[in-house]
Structure formats: structure tokens, C-alpha cells
Amino acid sequence: MRKSRFSEGQIIGLLKEYQAGIGANANGRNA
């Protein structure tokens, strides 16, 4: 059994949301 707190799908989703948030903040506030 794999000892992982998150499934791969959850990790990918979190990374995508994290990157989207950074992009939105950089493009919206700093541009």
C-alpha cells in the first residue's frame, strides 16, 4: 500500500488551482 495523504488527482488539482491563483494575482494586481 502507498502511504500518501493525497491522491495524484488531488495533488494535480491543487497545483493547477495554485498556479491559476498566482497567474491571476500577477496579471491582475501587478500588471
C-alpha atoms as a PDB file:
ATOM      1  CA  MET A   1       0.000   0.000   0.000  1.00  0.00           C
ATOM      2  CA  ARG A   2       1.116   3.528  -0.742  1.00  0.00           C
ATOM      3  CA  LYS A   3       1.372   5.891   2.203  1.00  0.00           C
ATOM      4  CA  SER A   4       0.152   9.092   0.623  1.00  0.00           C
ATOM      5  CA  ARG A   5      -2.064  11.740   2.162  1.00  0.00           C
ATOM      6  CA  PHE A   6      -3.448  12.832  -1.188  1.00  0.00           C
ATOM      7  CA  SER A   7      -4.295  11.030  -4.375  1.00  0.00           C
ATOM      8  CA  GLU A   8      -2.495  12.044  -7.564  1.00  0.00           C
ATOM      9  CA  GLY A   9      -5.686  13.652  -8.848  1.00  0.00           C
ATOM     10  CA  GLN A  10      -5.985  15.802  -5.736  1.00  0.00           C
ATOM     11  CA  ILE A  11      -2.350  16.907  -5.984  1.00  0.00           C
ATOM     12  CA  ILE A  12      -2.739  17.824  -9.655  1.00  0.00           C
ATOM     13  CA  GLY A  13      -5.921  19.768  -8.894  1.00  0.00           C
ATOM     14  CA  LEU A  14      -4.258  21.667  -6.066  1.00  0.00           C
ATOM     15  CA  LEU A  15      -1.244  22.520  -8.225  1.00  0.00           C
ATOM     16  CA  LYS A  16      -3.471  23.780 -11.038  1.00  0.00           C
ATOM     17  CA  GLU A  17      -5.501  25.950  -8.667  1.00  0.00           C
ATOM     18  CA  TYR A  18      -2.298  27.229  -7.037  1.00  0.00           C
ATOM     19  CA  GLN A  19      -0.751  28.179 -10.383  1.00  0.00           C
ATOM     20  CA  ALA A  20      -4.011  29.729 -11.580  1.00  0.00           C
ATOM     21  CA  GLY A  21      -4.148  31.845  -8.424  1.00  0.00           C
ATOM     22  CA  ILE A  22      -0.585  33.083  -8.924  1.00  0.00           C
ATOM     23  CA  GLY A  23      -1.285  33.916 -12.567  1.00  0.00           C
ATOM     24  CA  ALA A  24      -4.479  35.789 -11.683  1.00  0.00           C
ATOM     25  CA  ASN A  25      -2.744  37.781  -8.944  1.00  0.00           C
ATOM     26  CA  ALA A  26       0.280  38.624 -11.092  1.00  0.00           C
ATOM     27  CA  ASN A  27      -1.758  39.610 -14.138  1.00  0.00           C
ATOM     28  CA  GLY A  28      -4.490  41.456 -12.258  1.00  0.00           C
ATOM     29  CA  ARG A  29      -2.723  43.325  -9.477  1.00  0.00           C
ATOM     30  CA  ASN A  30       0.798  43.901 -10.761  1.00  0.00           C
ATOM     31  CA  ALA A  31       0.140  44.460 -14.454  1.00  0.00           C
END
